[in-house]
């Protein structure tokens, strides 16, 4: 992974570090929504939700399109796929480590 890829990955993880933004991503996984639809479940102003959407948009996770006076938002899957691909490399590492630990503990139990 080159420096640009790592910068994009940093932006993705940073954007997803906030629970409100994760909830917005979860909602958008069901399909496109307007800003006001996205703001409904939160006890915050449209301006605050808009700021969260800007972070998600800057990270490439959300595409925002203005139609008339309404802003419509769509989830963009590429950054999430990149994060999953990066994490999957470490998943194999940790699964191997946990399997080795389980074998070691089982051996110790058998030796008793």
PDB file of N, CA and C in Angstrom:
ATOM      1  N   UNK A   1       0.837  -1.175   0.000  1.00  0.00           N
ATOM      2  CA  UNK A   1       0.000   0.000   0.000  1.00  0.00           C
ATOM      3  C   UNK A   1       0.887   1.245   0.000  1.00  0.00           C
ATOM      4  N   UNK A   2       0.611   2.171  -0.906  1.00  0.00           N
ATOM      5  CA  UNK A   2       1.431   3.377  -0.972  1.00  0.00           C
ATOM      6  C   UNK A   2       0.898   4.456  -0.018  1.00  0.00           C
ATOM      7  N   UNK A   3       1.600   5.570   0.036  1.00  0.00           N
ATOM      8  CA  UNK A   3       1.261   6.639   0.986  1.00  0.00           C
ATOM      9  C   UNK A   3      -0.129   7.215   0.720  1.00  0.00           C
ATOM     10  N   UNK A   4      -0.503   7.344  -0.544  1.00  0.00           N
ATOM     11  CA  UNK A   4      -1.831   7.871  -0.878  1.00  0.00           C
ATOM     12  C   UNK A   4      -2.918   6.931  -0.385  1.00  0.00           C
ATOM     13  N   UNK A   5      -2.711   5.622  -0.604  1.00  0.00           N
ATOM     14  CA  UNK A   5      -3.682   4.633  -0.129  1.00  0.00           C
ATOM     15  C   UNK A   5      -3.822   4.695   1.387  1.00  0.00           C
ATOM     16  N   UNK A   6      -2.695   4.849   2.075  1.00  0.00           N
ATOM     17  CA  UNK A   6      -2.732   4.918   3.538  1.00  0.00           C
ATOM     18  C   UNK A   6      -3.459   6.180   4.008  1.00  0.00           C
ATOM     19  N   UNK A   7      -3.293   7.286   3.288  1.00  0.00           N
ATOM     20  CA  UNK A   7      -3.996   8.525   3.629  1.00  0.00           C
ATOM     21  C   UNK A   7      -5.502   8.332   3.479  1.00  0.00           C
ATOM     22  N   UNK A   8      -5.914   7.653   2.403  1.00  0.00           N
ATOM     23  CA  UNK A   8      -7.342   7.382   2.190  1.00  0.00           C
ATOM     24  C   UNK A   8      -7.878   6.474   3.296  1.00  0.00           C
ATOM     25  N   UNK A   9      -7.078   5.474   3.658  1.00  0.00           N
ATOM     26  CA  UNK A   9      -7.467   4.550   4.722  1.00  0.00           C
ATOM     27  C   UNK A   9      -7.598   5.290   6.057  1.00  0.00           C
ATOM     28  N   UNK A  10      -6.667   6.189   6.338  1.00  0.00           N
ATOM     29  CA  UNK A  10      -6.739   7.012   7.554  1.00  0.00           C
ATOM     30  C   UNK A  10      -8.036   7.825   7.579  1.00  0.00           C
ATOM     31  N   UNK A  11      -8.379   8.423   6.438  1.00  0.00           N
ATOM     32  CA  UNK A  11      -9.601   9.233   6.359  1.00  0.00           C
ATOM     33  C   UNK A  11     -10.838   8.370   6.585  1.00  0.00           C
ATOM     34  N   UNK A  12     -10.833   7.163   6.047  1.00  0.00           N
ATOM     35  CA  UNK A  12     -11.970   6.249   6.228  1.00  0.00           C
ATOM     36  C   UNK A  12     -12.144   5.888   7.693  1.00  0.00           C
ATOM     37  N   UNK A  13     -11.059   5.441   8.331  1.00  0.00           N
ATOM     38  CA  UNK A  13     -11.158   5.059   9.740  1.00  0.00           C
ATOM     39  C   UNK A  13     -11.498   6.258  10.626  1.00  0.00           C
ATOM     40  N   UNK A  14     -10.960   7.414  10.305  1.00  0.00           N
ATOM     41  CA  UNK A  14     -11.269   8.616  11.080  1.00  0.00           C
ATOM     42  C   UNK A  14     -12.754   8.960  10.959  1.00  0.00           C
ATOM     43  N   UNK A  15     -13.273   8.908   9.739  1.00  0.00           N
ATOM     44  CA  UNK A  15     -14.693   9.213   9.526  1.00  0.00           C
ATOM     45  C   UNK A  15     -15.587   8.217  10.252  1.00  0.00           C
ATOM     46  N   UNK A  16     -15.181   6.957  10.278  1.00  0.00           N
ATOM     47  CA  UNK A  16     -15.996   5.916  10.908  1.00  0.00           C
ATOM     48  C   UNK A  16     -15.792   5.826  12.419  1.00  0.00           C
ATOM     49  N   UNK A  17     -14.921   6.661  12.965  1.00  0.00           N
ATOM     50  CA  UNK A  17     -14.650   6.605  14.406  1.00  0.00           C
ATOM     51  C   UNK A  17     -15.768   7.226  15.242  1.00  0.00           C
ATOM     52  N   UNK A  18     -16.682   7.912  14.601  1.00  0.00           N
ATOM     53  CA  UNK A  18     -17.774   8.581  15.307  1.00  0.00           C
ATOM     54  C   UNK A  18     -19.068   7.774  15.170  1.00  0.00           C
ATOM     55  N   UNK A  19     -19.766   7.560  16.267  1.00  0.00           N
ATOM     56  CA  UNK A  19     -20.979   6.728  16.247  1.00  0.00           C
ATOM     57  C   UNK A  19     -22.095   7.333  15.393  1.00  0.00           C
ATOM     58  N   UNK A  20     -22.214   8.649  15.367  1.00  0.00           N
ATOM     59  CA  UNK A  20     -23.232   9.282  14.523  1.00  0.00           C
ATOM     60  C   UNK A  20     -22.940   9.013  13.055  1.00  0.00           C
ATOM     61  N   UNK A  21     -21.686   9.143  12.662  1.00  0.00           N
ATOM     62  CA  UNK A  21     -21.333   8.894  11.263  1.00  0.00           C
ATOM     63  C   UNK A  21     -21.529   7.421  10.902  1.00  0.00           C
ATOM     64  N   UNK A  22     -21.221   6.515  11.836  1.00  0.00           N
ATOM     65  CA  UNK A  22     -21.471   5.092  11.568  1.00  0.00           C
ATOM     66  C   UNK A  22     -22.969   4.835  11.397  1.00  0.00           C
ATOM     67  N   UNK A  23     -23.791   5.513  12.188  1.00  0.00           N
ATOM     68  CA  UNK A  23     -25.245   5.365  12.056  1.00  0.00           C
ATOM     69  C   UNK A  23     -25.721   5.904  10.707  1.00  0.00           C
ATOM     70  N   UNK A  24     -25.138   6.991  10.251  1.00  0.00           N
ATOM     71  CA  UNK A  24     -25.485   7.543   8.937  1.00  0.00           C
ATOM     72  C   UNK A  24     -25.095   6.550   7.846  1.00  0.00           C
ATOM     73  N   UNK A  25     -23.910   5.976   7.945  1.00  0.00           N
ATOM     74  CA  UNK A  25     -23.470   4.971   6.969  1.00  0.00           C
ATOM     75  C   UNK A  25     -24.427   3.782   6.981  1.00  0.00           C
ATOM     76  N   UNK A  26     -24.820   3.338   8.171  1.00  0.00           N
ATOM     77  CA  UNK A  26     -25.754   2.214   8.276  1.00  0.00           C
ATOM     78  C   UNK A  26     -27.079   2.548   7.596  1.00  0.00           C
ATOM     79  N   UNK A  27     -27.576   3.755   7.818  1.00  0.00           N
ATOM     80  CA  UNK A  27     -28.834   4.169   7.183  1.00  0.00           C
ATOM     81  C   UNK A  27     -28.686   4.213   5.674  1.00  0.00           C
ATOM     82  N   UNK A  28     -27.574   4.750   5.189  1.00  0.00           N
ATOM     83  CA  UNK A  28     -27.366   4.856   3.745  1.00  0.00           C
ATOM     84  C   UNK A  28     -27.127   3.501   3.092  1.00  0.00           C
ATOM     85  N   UNK A  29     -26.771   2.499   3.869  1.00  0.00           N
ATOM     86  CA  UNK A  29     -26.610   1.158   3.292  1.00  0.00           C
ATOM     87  C   UNK A  29     -27.958   0.602   2.831  1.00  0.00           C
ATOM     88  N   UNK A  30     -29.058   1.193   3.335  1.00  0.00           N
ATOM     89  CA  UNK A  30     -30.403   0.808   2.891  1.00  0.00           C
ATOM     90  C   UNK A  30     -30.826   1.551   1.629  1.00  0.00           C
ATOM     91  N   UNK A  31     -30.079   2.577   1.244  1.00  0.00           N
ATOM     92  CA  UNK A  31     -30.405   3.340   0.047  1.00  0.00           C
ATOM     93  C   UNK A  31     -30.246   4.832   0.264  1.00  0.00           C
ATOM     94  N   UNK A  32     -30.383   5.558  -0.817  1.00  0.00           N
ATOM     95  CA  UNK A  32     -30.230   7.014  -0.816  1.00  0.00           C
ATOM     96  C   UNK A  32     -31.198   7.665   0.164  1.00  0.00           C
ATOM     97  N   UNK A  33     -30.765   8.795   0.732  1.00  0.00           N
ATOM     98  CA  UNK A  33     -31.623   9.556   1.652  1.00  0.00           C
ATOM     99  C   UNK A  33     -31.273  11.030   1.566  1.00  0.00           C
ATOM    100  N   UNK A  34     -32.251  11.854   1.869  1.00  0.00           N
ATOM    101  CA  UNK A  34     -32.006  13.299   1.910  1.00  0.00           C
ATOM    102  C   UNK A  34     -31.387  13.659   3.256  1.00  0.00           C
ATOM    103  N   UNK A  35     -30.842  14.849   3.314  1.00  0.00           N
ATOM    104  CA  UNK A  35     -30.250  15.341   4.558  1.00  0.00           C
ATOM    105  C   UNK A  35     -31.278  15.326   5.686  1.00  0.00           C
ATOM    106  N   UNK A  36     -32.479  15.795   5.411  1.00  0.00           N
ATOM    107  CA  UNK A  36     -33.503  15.836   6.464  1.00  0.00           C
ATOM    108  C   UNK A  36     -33.911  14.431   6.898  1.00  0.00           C
ATOM    109  N   UNK A  37     -33.959  13.478   5.985  1.00  0.00           N
ATOM    110  CA  UNK A  37     -34.259  12.084   6.362  1.00  0.00           C
ATOM    111  C   UNK A  37     -33.157  11.517   7.253  1.00  0.00           C
ATOM    112  N   UNK A  38     -31.920  11.849   6.927  1.00  0.00           N
ATOM    113  CA  UNK A  38     -30.801  11.361   7.735  1.00  0.00           C
ATOM    114  C   UNK A  38     -30.791  11.989   9.122  1.00  0.00           C
ATOM    115  N   UNK A  39     -31.254  13.231   9.217  1.00  0.00           N
ATOM    116  CA  UNK A  39     -31.225  13.947  10.494  1.00  0.00           C
ATOM    117  C   UNK A  39     -32.328  13.500  11.451  1.00  0.00           C
ATOM    118  N   UNK A  40     -33.407  12.907  10.935  1.00  0.00           N
ATOM    119  CA  UNK A  40     -34.570  12.556  11.763  1.00  0.00           C
ATOM    120  C   UNK A  40     -34.233  11.798  13.049  1.00  0.00           C
ATOM    121  N   UNK A  41     -33.439  10.728  12.999  1.00  0.00           N
ATOM    122  CA  UNK A  41     -33.238   9.953  14.230  1.00  0.00           C
ATOM    123  C   UNK A  41     -32.302  10.606  15.253  1.00  0.00           C
ATOM    124  N   UNK A  42     -31.663  11.684  14.887  1.00  0.00           N
ATOM    125  CA  UNK A  42     -30.681  12.310  15.775  1.00  0.00           C
ATOM    126  C   UNK A  42     -31.250  13.560  16.421  1.00  0.00           C
ATOM    127  N   UNK A  43     -30.865  13.796  17.637  1.00  0.00           N
ATOM    128  CA  UNK A  43     -31.272  15.017  18.332  1.00  0.00           C
ATOM    129  C   UNK A  43     -30.211  16.084  18.102  1.00  0.00           C
ATOM    130  N   UNK A  44     -30.097  16.493  16.837  1.00  0.00           N
ATOM    131  CA  UNK A  44     -29.131  17.536  16.484  1.00  0.00           C
ATOM    132  C   UNK A  44     -29.670  18.309  15.294  1.00  0.00           C
ATOM    133  N   UNK A  45     -29.100  19.453  15.074  1.00  0.00           N
ATOM    134  CA  UNK A  45     -29.552  20.327  13.993  1.00  0.00           C
ATOM    135  C   UNK A  45     -29.145  19.766  12.633  1.00  0.00           C
ATOM    136  N   UNK A  46     -29.801  20.275  11.597  1.00  0.00           N
ATOM    137  CA  UNK A  46     -29.416  19.909  10.232  1.00  0.00           C
ATOM    138  C   UNK A  46     -27.974  20.314   9.961  1.00  0.00           C
ATOM    139  N   UNK A  47     -27.556  21.430  10.543  1.00  0.00           N
ATOM    140  CA  UNK A  47     -26.176  21.892  10.368  1.00  0.00           C
ATOM    141  C   UNK A  47     -25.193  20.885  10.943  1.00  0.00           C
ATOM    142  N   UNK A  48     -25.493  20.348  12.113  1.00  0.00           N
ATOM    143  CA  UNK A  48     -24.601  19.362  12.735  1.00  0.00           C
ATOM    144  C   UNK A  48     -24.531  18.089  11.896  1.00  0.00           C
ATOM    145  N   UNK A  49     -25.679  17.621  11.417  1.00  0.00           N
ATOM    146  CA  UNK A  49     -25.695  16.426  10.564  1.00  0.00           C
ATOM    147  C   UNK A  49     -24.942  16.710   9.271  1.00  0.00           C
ATOM    148  N   UNK A  50     -25.106  17.908   8.747  1.00  0.00           N
ATOM    149  CA  UNK A  50     -24.399  18.307   7.529  1.00  0.00           C
ATOM    150  C   UNK A  50     -22.886  18.255   7.724  1.00  0.00           C
ATOM    151  N   UNK A  51     -22.416  18.650   8.895  1.00  0.00           N
ATOM    152  CA  UNK A  51     -20.975  18.589   9.186  1.00  0.00           C
ATOM    153  C   UNK A  51     -20.490  17.138   9.215  1.00  0.00           C
ATOM    154  N   UNK A  52     -21.293  16.248   9.786  1.00  0.00           N
ATOM    155  CA  UNK A  52     -20.940  14.824   9.775  1.00  0.00           C
ATOM    156  C   UNK A  52     -20.885  14.301   8.335  1.00  0.00           C
ATOM    157  N   UNK A  53     -21.848  14.716   7.526  1.00  0.00           N
ATOM    158  CA  UNK A  53     -21.863  14.287   6.125  1.00  0.00           C
ATOM    159  C   UNK A  53     -20.651  14.811   5.365  1.00  0.00           C
ATOM    160  N   UNK A  54     -20.202  16.002   5.703  1.00  0.00           N
ATOM    161  CA  UNK A  54     -19.004  16.556   5.050  1.00  0.00           C
ATOM    162  C   UNK A  54     -17.795  15.686   5.348  1.00  0.00           C
ATOM    163  N   UNK A  55     -17.650  15.244   6.594  1.00  0.00           N
ATOM    164  CA  UNK A  55     -16.530  14.362   6.954  1.00  0.00           C
ATOM    165  C   UNK A  55     -16.621  13.064   6.157  1.00  0.00           C
ATOM    166  N   UNK A  56     -17.825  12.496   6.083  1.00  0.00           N
ATOM    167  CA  UNK A  56     -18.014  11.255   5.324  1.00  0.00           C
ATOM    168  C   UNK A  56     -17.745  11.473   3.835  1.00  0.00           C
ATOM    169  N   UNK A  57     -18.164  12.611   3.327  1.00  0.00           N
ATOM    170  CA  UNK A  57     -17.930  12.943   1.921  1.00  0.00           C
ATOM    171  C   UNK A  57     -16.447  13.157   1.637  1.00  0.00           C
ATOM    172  N   UNK A  58     -15.766  13.869   2.515  1.00  0.00           N
ATOM    173  CA  UNK A  58     -14.329  14.106   2.343  1.00  0.00           C
ATOM    174  C   UNK A  58     -13.541  12.800   2.349  1.00  0.00           C
ATOM    175  N   UNK A  59     -14.045  11.808   3.081  1.00  0.00           N
ATOM    176  CA  UNK A  59     -13.388  10.498   3.128  1.00  0.00           C
ATOM    177  C   UNK A  59     -13.790   9.624   1.940  1.00  0.00           C
ATOM    178  N   UNK A  60     -14.707  10.120   1.113  1.00  0.00           N
ATOM    179  CA  UNK A  60     -15.148   9.356  -0.051  1.00  0.00           C
ATOM    180  C   UNK A  60     -16.213   8.321   0.257  1.00  0.00           C
ATOM    181  N   UNK A  61     -16.729   8.338   1.482  1.00  0.00           N
ATOM    182  CA  UNK A  61     -17.719   7.341   1.894  1.00  0.00           C
ATOM    183  C   UNK A  61     -19.135   7.680   1.439  1.00  0.00           C
ATOM    184  N   UNK A  62     -19.396   8.960   1.228  1.00  0.00           N
ATOM    185  CA  UNK A  62     -20.734   9.412   0.861  1.00  0.00           C
ATOM    186  C   UNK A  62     -20.628  10.386  -0.302  1.00  0.00           C
ATOM    187  N   UNK A  63     -21.542  10.232  -1.247  1.00  0.00           N
ATOM    188  CA  UNK A  63     -21.663  11.191  -2.349  1.00  0.00           C
ATOM    189  C   UNK A  63     -22.903  12.029  -2.077  1.00  0.00           C
ATOM    190  N   UNK A  64     -22.749  13.340  -2.155  1.00  0.00           N
ATOM    191  CA  UNK A  64     -23.861  14.257  -1.898  1.00  0.00           C
ATOM    192  C   UNK A  64     -24.198  14.971  -3.201  1.00  0.00           C
ATOM    193  N   UNK A  65     -25.466  14.895  -3.576  1.00  0.00           N
ATOM    194  CA  UNK A  65     -25.925  15.525  -4.818  1.00  0.00           C
ATOM    195  C   UNK A  65     -27.053  16.492  -4.488  1.00  0.00           C
ATOM    196  N   UNK A  66     -26.925  17.719  -4.955  1.00  0.00           N
ATOM    197  CA  UNK A  66     -27.966  18.715  -4.713  1.00  0.00           C
ATOM    198  C   UNK A  66     -28.958  18.668  -5.868  1.00  0.00           C
ATOM    199  N   UNK A  67     -30.228  18.465  -5.517  1.00  0.00           N
ATOM    200  CA  UNK A  67     -31.319  18.478  -6.497  1.00  0.00           C
ATOM    201  C   UNK A  67     -32.327  19.522  -6.036  1.00  0.00           C
ATOM    202  N   UNK A  68     -32.341  20.618  -6.737  1.00  0.00           N
ATOM    203  CA  UNK A  68     -33.189  21.721  -6.297  1.00  0.00           C
ATOM    204  C   UNK A  68     -32.682  22.240  -4.962  1.00  0.00           C
ATOM    205  N   UNK A  69     -33.561  22.235  -3.970  1.00  0.00           N
ATOM    206  CA  UNK A  69     -33.175  22.717  -2.639  1.00  0.00           C
ATOM    207  C   UNK A  69     -32.803  21.575  -1.699  1.00  0.00           C
ATOM    208  N   UNK A  70     -32.840  20.356  -2.200  1.00  0.00           N
ATOM    209  CA  UNK A  70     -32.607  19.190  -1.347  1.00  0.00           C
ATOM    210  C   UNK A  70     -31.277  18.534  -1.679  1.00  0.00           C
ATOM    211  N   UNK A  71     -30.567  18.125  -0.631  1.00  0.00           N
ATOM    212  CA  UNK A  71     -29.322  17.379  -0.825  1.00  0.00           C
ATOM    213  C   UNK A  71     -29.600  15.903  -0.582  1.00  0.00           C
ATOM    214  N   UNK A  72     -29.266  15.085  -1.573  1.00  0.00           N
ATOM    215  CA  UNK A  72     -29.457  13.639  -1.490  1.00  0.00           C
ATOM    216  C   UNK A  72     -28.095  12.976  -1.315  1.00  0.00           C
ATOM    217  N   UNK A  73     -28.058  11.981  -0.458  1.00  0.00           N
ATOM    218  CA  UNK A  73     -26.797  11.323  -0.103  1.00  0.00           C
ATOM    219  C   UNK A  73     -26.851   9.852  -0.468  1.00  0.00           C
ATOM    220  N   UNK A  74     -25.727   9.362  -0.980  1.00  0.00           N
ATOM    221  CA  UNK A  74     -25.574   7.950  -1.341  1.00  0.00           C
ATOM    222  C   UNK A  74     -24.275   7.437  -0.769  1.00  0.00           C
ATOM    223  N   UNK A  75     -24.310   6.199  -0.318  1.00  0.00           N
ATOM    224  CA  UNK A  75     -23.120   5.544   0.200  1.00  0.00           C
ATOM    225  C   UNK A  75     -22.226   5.124  -0.956  1.00  0.00           C
ATOM    226  N   UNK A  76     -20.936   5.312  -0.797  1.00  0.00           N
ATOM    227  CA  UNK A  76     -19.941   4.872  -1.767  1.00  0.00           C
ATOM    228  C   UNK A  76     -19.154   3.727  -1.136  1.00  0.00           C
ATOM    229  N   UNK A  77     -19.166   2.573  -1.759  1.00  0.00           N
ATOM    230  CA  UNK A  77     -18.604   1.379  -1.144  1.00  0.00           C
ATOM    231  C   UNK A  77     -17.101   1.212  -1.227  1.00  0.00           C
ATOM    232  N   UNK A  78     -16.447   1.870  -2.168  1.00  0.00           N
ATOM    233  CA  UNK A  78     -15.014   1.633  -2.393  1.00  0.00           C
ATOM    234  C   UNK A  78     -14.154   1.850  -1.142  1.00  0.00           C
ATOM    235  N   UNK A  79     -14.313   2.958  -0.405  1.00  0.00           N
ATOM    236  CA  UNK A  79     -13.466   3.139   0.785  1.00  0.00           C
ATOM    237  C   UNK A  79     -13.696   2.062   1.851  1.00  0.00           C
ATOM    238  N   UNK A  80     -14.937   1.612   1.982  1.00  0.00           N
ATOM    239  CA  UNK A  80     -15.217   0.563   2.965  1.00  0.00           C
ATOM    240  C   UNK A  80     -14.564  -0.741   2.533  1.00  0.00           C
ATOM    241  N   UNK A  81     -14.619  -1.041   1.245  1.00  0.00           N
ATOM    242  CA  UNK A  81     -13.975  -2.256   0.742  1.00  0.00           C
ATOM    243  C   UNK A  81     -12.471  -2.205   0.979  1.00  0.00           C
ATOM    244  N   UNK A  82     -11.863  -1.045   0.750  1.00  0.00           N
ATOM    245  CA  UNK A  82     -10.425  -0.894   1.002  1.00  0.00           C
ATOM    246  C   UNK A  82     -10.099  -1.145   2.474  1.00  0.00           C
ATOM    247  N   UNK A  83     -10.942  -0.636   3.377  1.00  0.00           N
ATOM    248  CA  UNK A  83     -10.721  -0.849   4.814  1.00  0.00           C
ATOM    249  C   UNK A  83     -10.882  -2.322   5.171  1.00  0.00           C
ATOM    250  N   UNK A  84     -11.895  -2.964   4.614  1.00  0.00           N
ATOM    251  CA  UNK A  84     -12.115  -4.393   4.876  1.00  0.00           C
ATOM    252  C   UNK A  84     -10.949  -5.213   4.340  1.00  0.00           C
ATOM    253  N   UNK A  85     -10.482  -4.890   3.147  1.00  0.00           N
ATOM    254  CA  UNK A  85      -9.335  -5.607   2.572  1.00  0.00           C
ATOM    255  C   UNK A  85      -8.106  -5.460   3.458  1.00  0.00           C
ATOM    256  N   UNK A  86      -7.861  -4.260   3.950  1.00  0.00           N
ATOM    257  CA  UNK A  86      -6.704  -4.027   4.824  1.00  0.00           C
ATOM    258  C   UNK A  86      -6.849  -4.813   6.117  1.00  0.00           C
ATOM    259  N   UNK A  87      -8.035  -4.763   6.720  1.00  0.00           N
ATOM    260  CA  UNK A  87      -8.275  -5.487   7.970  1.00  0.00           C
ATOM    261  C   UNK A  87      -8.189  -6.995   7.790  1.00  0.00           C
ATOM    262  N   UNK A  88      -8.584  -7.493   6.623  1.00  0.00           N
ATOM    263  CA  UNK A  88      -8.584  -8.947   6.406  1.00  0.00           C
ATOM    264  C   UNK A  88      -7.174  -9.523   6.469  1.00  0.00           C
ATOM    265  N   UNK A  89      -6.176  -8.729   6.105  1.00  0.00           N
ATOM    266  CA  UNK A  89      -4.790  -9.191   6.218  1.00  0.00           C
ATOM    267  C   UNK A  89      -4.446  -9.479   7.677  1.00  0.00           C
ATOM    268  N   UNK A  90      -4.907  -8.651   8.559  1.00  0.00           N
ATOM    269  CA  UNK A  90      -4.616  -8.808   9.977  1.00  0.00           C
ATOM    270  C   UNK A  90      -5.538  -9.822  10.642  1.00  0.00           C
ATOM    271  N   UNK A  91      -6.700 -10.028  10.056  1.00  0.00           N
ATOM    272  CA  UNK A  91      -7.610 -11.046  10.579  1.00  0.00           C
ATOM    273  C   UNK A  91      -6.944 -12.412  10.524  1.00  0.00           C
ATOM    274  N   UNK A  92      -6.338 -12.740   9.394  1.00  0.00           N
ATOM    275  CA  UNK A  92      -5.659 -14.030   9.256  1.00  0.00           C
ATOM    276  C   UNK A  92      -4.534 -14.159  10.283  1.00  0.00           C
ATOM    277  N   UNK A  93      -3.777 -13.097  10.481  1.00  0.00           N
ATOM    278  CA  UNK A  93      -2.691 -13.102  11.458  1.00  0.00           C
ATOM    279  C   UNK A  93      -3.222 -13.426  12.851  1.00  0.00           C
ATOM    280  N   UNK A  94      -4.269 -12.707  13.276  1.00  0.00           N
ATOM    281  CA  UNK A  94      -4.789 -12.905  14.628  1.00  0.00           C
ATOM    282  C   UNK A  94      -5.493 -14.241  14.781  1.00  0.00           C
ATOM    283  N   UNK A  95      -6.164 -14.705  13.749  1.00  0.00           N
ATOM    284  CA  UNK A  95      -6.783 -16.031  13.839  1.00  0.00           C
ATOM    285  C   UNK A  95      -5.726 -17.107  14.022  1.00  0.00           C
ATOM    286  N   UNK A  96      -4.611 -16.986  13.310  1.00  0.00           N
ATOM    287  CA  UNK A  96      -3.502 -17.932  13.485  1.00  0.00           C
ATOM    288  C   UNK A  96      -2.964 -17.871  14.909  1.00  0.00           C
ATOM    289  N   UNK A  97      -2.808 -16.674  15.440  1.00  0.00           N
ATOM    290  CA  UNK A  97      -2.293 -16.507  16.806  1.00  0.00           C
ATOM    291  C   UNK A  97      -3.247 -17.113  17.837  1.00  0.00           C
ATOM    292  N   UNK A  98      -4.533 -16.862  17.665  1.00  0.00           N
ATOM    293  CA  UNK A  98      -5.514 -17.414  18.606  1.00  0.00           C
ATOM    294  C   UNK A  98      -5.576 -18.935  18.514  1.00  0.00           C
ATOM    295  N   UNK A  99      -5.462 -19.480  17.301  1.00  0.00           N
ATOM    296  CA  UNK A  99      -5.433 -20.937  17.137  1.00  0.00           C
ATOM    297  C   UNK A  99      -4.218 -21.529  17.837  1.00  0.00           C
ATOM    298  N   UNK A 100      -3.068 -20.871  17.693  1.00  0.00           N
ATOM    299  CA  UNK A 100      -1.848 -21.354  18.352  1.00  0.00           C
ATOM    300  C   UNK A 100      -2.007 -21.306  19.872  1.00  0.00           C
ATOM    301  N   UNK A 101      -2.611 -20.247  20.372  1.00  0.00           N
ATOM    302  CA  UNK A 101      -2.846 -20.137  21.810  1.00  0.00           C
ATOM    303  C   UNK A 101      -3.790 -21.242  22.285  1.00  0.00           C
ATOM    304  N   UNK A 102      -4.846 -21.493  21.535  1.00  0.00           N
ATOM    305  CA  UNK A 102      -5.796 -22.547  21.907  1.00  0.00           C
ATOM    306  C   UNK A 102      -5.112 -23.909  21.934  1.00  0.00           C
ATOM    307  N   UNK A 103      -4.256 -24.175  20.944  1.00  0.00           N
ATOM    308  CA  UNK A 103      -3.518 -25.452  20.928  1.00  0.00           C
ATOM    309  C   UNK A 103      -2.593 -25.549  22.136  1.00  0.00           C
ATOM    310  N   UNK A 104      -1.918 -24.468  22.454  1.00  0.00           N
ATOM    311  CA  UNK A 104      -1.008 -24.445  23.601  1.00  0.00           C
ATOM    312  C   UNK A 104      -1.769 -24.705  24.903  1.00  0.00           C
ATOM    313  N   UNK A 105      -2.896 -24.034  25.081  1.00  0.00           N
ATOM    314  CA  UNK A 105      -3.689 -24.215  26.296  1.00  0.00           C
ATOM    315  C   UNK A 105      -4.263 -25.627  26.379  1.00  0.00           C
ATOM    316  N   UNK A 106      -4.686 -26.174  25.246  1.00  0.00           N
ATOM    317  CA  UNK A 106      -5.205 -27.544  25.232  1.00  0.00           C
ATOM    318  C   UNK A 106      -4.109 -28.529  25.602  1.00  0.00           C
ATOM    319  N   UNK A 107      -2.903 -28.286  25.103  1.00  0.00           N
ATOM    320  CA  UNK A 107      -1.767 -29.157  25.424  1.00  0.00           C
ATOM    321  C   UNK A 107      -1.458 -29.088  26.912  1.00  0.00           C
ATOM    322  N   UNK A 108      -1.479 -27.885  27.485  1.00  0.00           N
ATOM    323  CA  UNK A 108      -1.229 -27.736  28.925  1.00  0.00           C
ATOM    324  C   UNK A 108      -2.281 -28.477  29.743  1.00  0.00           C
ATOM    325  N   UNK A 109      -3.548 -28.405  29.315  1.00  0.00           N
ATOM    326  CA  UNK A 109      -4.616 -29.122  30.018  1.00  0.00           C
ATOM    327  C   UNK A 109      -4.394 -30.628  29.955  1.00  0.00           C
ATOM    328  N   UNK A 110      -3.928 -31.115  28.810  1.00  0.00           N
ATOM    329  CA  UNK A 110      -3.678 -32.554  28.647  1.00  0.00           C
ATOM    330  C   UNK A 110      -2.486 -33.016  29.471  1.00  0.00           C
ATOM    331  N   UNK A 111      -1.522 -32.127  29.678  1.00  0.00           N
ATOM    332  CA  UNK A 111      -0.320 -32.475  30.442  1.00  0.00           C
ATOM    333  C   UNK A 111      -0.600 -32.558  31.943  1.00  0.00           C
ATOM    334  N   UNK A 112      -1.702 -32.003  32.408  1.00  0.00           N
ATOM    335  CA  UNK A 112      -2.003 -31.991  33.852  1.00  0.00           C
ATOM    336  C   UNK A 112      -2.524 -33.301  34.321  1.00  0.00           C
TER     337      UNK A 112
END
